[in-house]
Every structure is written in C-alpha cells, then in structure tokens.
C-alpha atoms as a PDB file:
ATOM      1  CA  LYS A   1       0.000   0.000   0.000  1.00  0.00           C
ATOM      2  CA  ILE A   2       1.032   3.585  -0.519  1.00  0.00           C
ATOM      3  CA  PHE A   3      -0.079   6.476   1.665  1.00  0.00           C
ATOM      4  CA  LEU A   4      -0.712   9.687  -0.278  1.00  0.00           C
ATOM      5  CA  LYS A   5      -1.474  13.120   1.077  1.00  0.00           C
ATOM      6  CA  ASP A   6      -4.201  14.671  -1.087  1.00  0.00           C
ATOM      7  CA  GLY A   7      -4.863  18.100   0.410  1.00  0.00           C
ATOM      8  CA  ASN A   8      -5.910  17.507   4.027  1.00  0.00           C
ATOM      9  CA  THR A   9      -6.762  13.856   3.429  1.00  0.00           C
ATOM     10  CA  THR A  10      -4.478  10.837   3.518  1.00  0.00           C
ATOM     11  CA  VAL A  11      -5.504   8.401   0.800  1.00  0.00           C
ATOM     12  CA  ILE A  12      -4.360   4.793   0.974  1.00  0.00           C
ATOM     13  CA  LEU A  13      -3.964   3.063  -2.384  1.00  0.00           C
ATOM     14  CA  ALA A  14      -3.119  -0.557  -3.019  1.00  0.00           C
ATOM     15  CA  ILE A  15      -0.002  -0.376  -5.182  1.00  0.00           C
ATOM     16  CA  GLU A  16      -1.351  -3.073  -7.514  1.00  0.00           C
ATOM     17  CA  SER A  17      -4.425  -0.891  -8.217  1.00  0.00           C
ATOM     18  CA  ILE A  18      -2.331   1.919  -9.733  1.00  0.00           C
ATOM     19  CA  LEU A  19      -2.620   1.933 -13.536  1.00  0.00           C
ATOM     20  CA  TYR A  20      -0.149   4.750 -14.168  1.00  0.00           C
ATOM     21  CA  MET A  21       1.184   7.986 -12.728  1.00  0.00           C
ATOM     22  CA  LYS A  22       1.586  11.365 -14.362  1.00  0.00           C
ATOM     23  CA  SER A  23       3.788  14.197 -13.171  1.00  0.00           C
ATOM     24  CA  GLU A  24       2.218  17.646 -13.001  1.00  0.00           C
ATOM     25  CA  ALA A  25       4.677  20.292 -11.755  1.00  0.00           C
ATOM     26  CA  ASN A  26       5.593  19.283  -8.164  1.00  0.00           C
ATOM     27  CA  TYR A  27       2.764  16.786  -7.950  1.00  0.00           C
ATOM     28  CA  VAL A  28       2.051  13.295  -9.189  1.00  0.00           C
ATOM     29  CA  VAL A  29      -1.419  12.167 -10.202  1.00  0.00           C
ATOM     30  CA  PHE A  30      -2.044   8.489  -9.425  1.00  0.00           C
ATOM     31  CA  PHE A  31      -4.623   6.893 -11.735  1.00  0.00           C
ATOM     32  CA  THR A  32      -6.585   3.806 -10.703  1.00  0.00           C
ATOM     33  CA  ALA A  33      -9.582   2.220 -12.414  1.00  0.00           C
ATOM     34  CA  ASP A  34     -12.041   4.243 -10.345  1.00  0.00           C
ATOM     35  CA  LYS A  35     -10.262   7.397  -9.200  1.00  0.00           C
ATOM     36  CA  LYS A  36      -7.285   9.682  -9.445  1.00  0.00           C
ATOM     37  CA  VAL A  37      -5.340  11.092  -6.531  1.00  0.00           C
ATOM     38  CA  MET A  38      -2.975  14.066  -6.693  1.00  0.00           C
ATOM     39  CA  SER A  39      -0.163  14.115  -4.169  1.00  0.00           C
ATOM     40  CA  LEU A  40       3.053  16.039  -3.559  1.00  0.00           C
ATOM     41  CA  HIS A  41       5.613  13.543  -4.906  1.00  0.00           C
ATOM     42  CA  THR A  42       8.222  13.218  -7.623  1.00  0.00           C
ATOM     43  CA  LEU A  43       8.372  10.502 -10.253  1.00  0.00           C
ATOM     44  CA  LYS A  44      12.121  10.227  -9.711  1.00  0.00           C
ATOM     45  CA  LYS A  45      11.634   9.122  -6.103  1.00  0.00           C
ATOM     46  CA  LEU A  46       8.735   6.816  -6.963  1.00  0.00           C
ATOM     47  CA  GLU A  47      10.724   5.219  -9.764  1.00  0.00           C
ATOM     48  CA  TYR A  48      13.078   3.667  -7.198  1.00  0.00           C
ATOM     49  CA  GLU A  49      10.459   2.830  -4.558  1.00  0.00           C
ATOM     50  CA  LEU A  50       7.903   0.992  -6.690  1.00  0.00           C
ATOM     51  CA  PRO A  51       8.019  -2.722  -7.593  1.00  0.00           C
ATOM     52  CA  GLN A  52       9.514  -4.000 -10.858  1.00  0.00           C
ATOM     53  CA  ASN A  53       6.198  -3.990 -12.718  1.00  0.00           C
ATOM     54  CA  PHE A  54       6.342  -0.156 -12.784  1.00  0.00           C
ATOM     55  CA  ILE A  55       8.509   1.532 -15.390  1.00  0.00           C
ATOM     56  CA  ARG A  56       9.108   5.064 -16.537  1.00  0.00           C
ATOM     57  CA  VAL A  57       8.138   5.456 -20.186  1.00  0.00           C
ATOM     58  CA  GLN A  58       8.399   9.211 -20.532  1.00  0.00           C
ATOM     59  CA  LYS A  59       9.636  12.083 -18.359  1.00  0.00           C
ATOM     60  CA  SER A  60       6.091  12.643 -17.089  1.00  0.00           C
ATOM     61  CA  TYR A  61       4.790   9.044 -16.870  1.00  0.00           C
ATOM     62  CA  ILE A  62       5.351   5.796 -14.989  1.00  0.00           C
ATOM     63  CA  ILE A  63       3.135   2.877 -15.988  1.00  0.00           C
ATOM     64  CA  ASN A  64       2.163  -0.404 -14.358  1.00  0.00           C
ATOM     65  CA  LEU A  65       3.075  -3.154 -16.833  1.00  0.00           C
ATOM     66  CA  ASN A  66       0.294  -5.328 -15.418  1.00  0.00           C
ATOM     67  CA  TYR A  67      -2.215  -3.047 -17.173  1.00  0.00           C
ATOM     68  CA  LEU A  68      -0.379  -2.706 -20.496  1.00  0.00           C
ATOM     69  CA  ASP A  69      -2.925  -3.271 -23.296  1.00  0.00           C
ATOM     70  CA  ALA A  70      -0.861  -2.472 -26.386  1.00  0.00           C
ATOM     71  CA  LEU A  71       2.491  -1.202 -27.558  1.00  0.00           C
ATOM     72  CA  LYS A  72       2.800   0.991 -30.629  1.00  0.00           C
ATOM     73  CA  SER A  73       5.978   2.528 -32.002  1.00  0.00           C
ATOM     74  CA  ASP A  74       5.898   5.629 -29.778  1.00  0.00           C
ATOM     75  CA  ILE A  75       2.875   4.963 -27.573  1.00  0.00           C
ATOM     76  CA  VAL A  76       1.840   2.498 -24.885  1.00  0.00           C
ATOM     77  CA  VAL A  77      -1.813   1.859 -24.139  1.00  0.00           C
ATOM     78  CA  VAL A  78      -2.515   1.343 -20.445  1.00  0.00           C
ATOM     79  CA  ALA A  79      -6.075   0.475 -19.468  1.00  0.00           C
ATOM     80  CA  GLY A  80      -7.319   2.181 -22.629  1.00  0.00           C
ATOM     81  CA  THR A  81      -5.254   5.370 -22.203  1.00  0.00           C
ATOM     82  CA  GLU A  82      -2.567   6.239 -24.763  1.00  0.00           C
ATOM     83  CA  ILE A  83       0.693   7.374 -23.169  1.00  0.00           C
ATOM     84  CA  PRO A  84       3.687   8.625 -25.172  1.00  0.00           C
ATOM     85  CA  ILE A  85       7.012   6.807 -24.976  1.00  0.00           C
ATOM     86  CA  GLY A  86       9.994   9.119 -24.584  1.00  0.00           C
ATOM     87  CA  ALA A  87      13.024   8.449 -26.772  1.00  0.00           C
ATOM     88  CA  VAL A  88      15.264   8.300 -23.691  1.00  0.00           C
ATOM     89  CA  HIS A  89      13.103   5.566 -22.114  1.00  0.00           C
ATOM     90  CA  LYS A  90      12.345   3.450 -25.200  1.00  0.00           C
ATOM     91  CA  ASP A  91      15.332   1.078 -24.930  1.00  0.00           C
ATOM     92  CA  GLN A  92      14.780   0.533 -21.212  1.00  0.00           C
ATOM     93  CA  LEU A  93      11.108  -0.240 -21.851  1.00  0.00           C
ATOM     94  CA  ASN A  94      11.964  -2.743 -24.599  1.00  0.00           C
ATOM     95  CA  GLU A  95      14.481  -4.482 -22.331  1.00  0.00           C
ATOM     96  CA  ARG A  96      12.010  -4.665 -19.456  1.00  0.00           C
ATOM     97  CA  LEU A  97       9.326  -6.067 -21.764  1.00  0.00           C
ATOM     98  CA  LYS A  98      11.721  -8.801 -22.930  1.00  0.00           C
ATOM     99  CA  GLU A  99      12.326  -9.778 -19.265  1.00  0.00           C
ATOM    100  CA  TRP A 100       8.623  -9.443 -18.476  1.00  0.00           C
ATOM    101  CA  ASN A 101       7.691 -11.766 -21.344  1.00  0.00           C
ATOM    102  CA  LYS A 102       9.829 -14.690 -20.116  1.00  0.00           C
END
C-alpha cells in the first residue's frame, strides 16, 4: 500500500491498483480504475520505490506493466489510455518487456 497526502486527506492506495502515474509540476497524479489522486511527490523518487512492474516510459509518466494493453511505435496503451514513450526511455522499456515476457 502507498499512503498519499491529497490536500488535508491521507488516501491509501493498493499499489497493484495503480494503472499509471503522471507528473504535473511538483505533484504526481495516481490513476486507478475508479479514481485519481494528486499528491506532492516526484516521479524520480517513486521510480526507485515501486516494484519491478512499474517503469518510466516518458519524463512525465510511470506505468504499471500489469495493465499494459498495447504497444505501438511511440505509444503504450494502459487500461485504454494512450501514453507517449519518450526516446530516452524506449530502450529501457523494450528491455524490461523482454524480461517481463519470459
């Protein structure tokens, strides 16, 4: 579980329920199937704290590979949402997908 401060409320999310995360200035928006939670976080810190099924695909996005629907040349589709793949992260994503597919 992850504890997130959203304004004056602490929201508890099951890590496996997170579809993807998007950076917005000094905040990160956590997207689940039924809600989104904005919390003061950085993707850089989360990148190292989250389990291996999470990977950064662009400077503003981390996705949960468990919800990956499709992979296009420069886009991943996570739970129906298209997310751009950054050139810097493309090789790392391809390597992780090879490991993930074993």
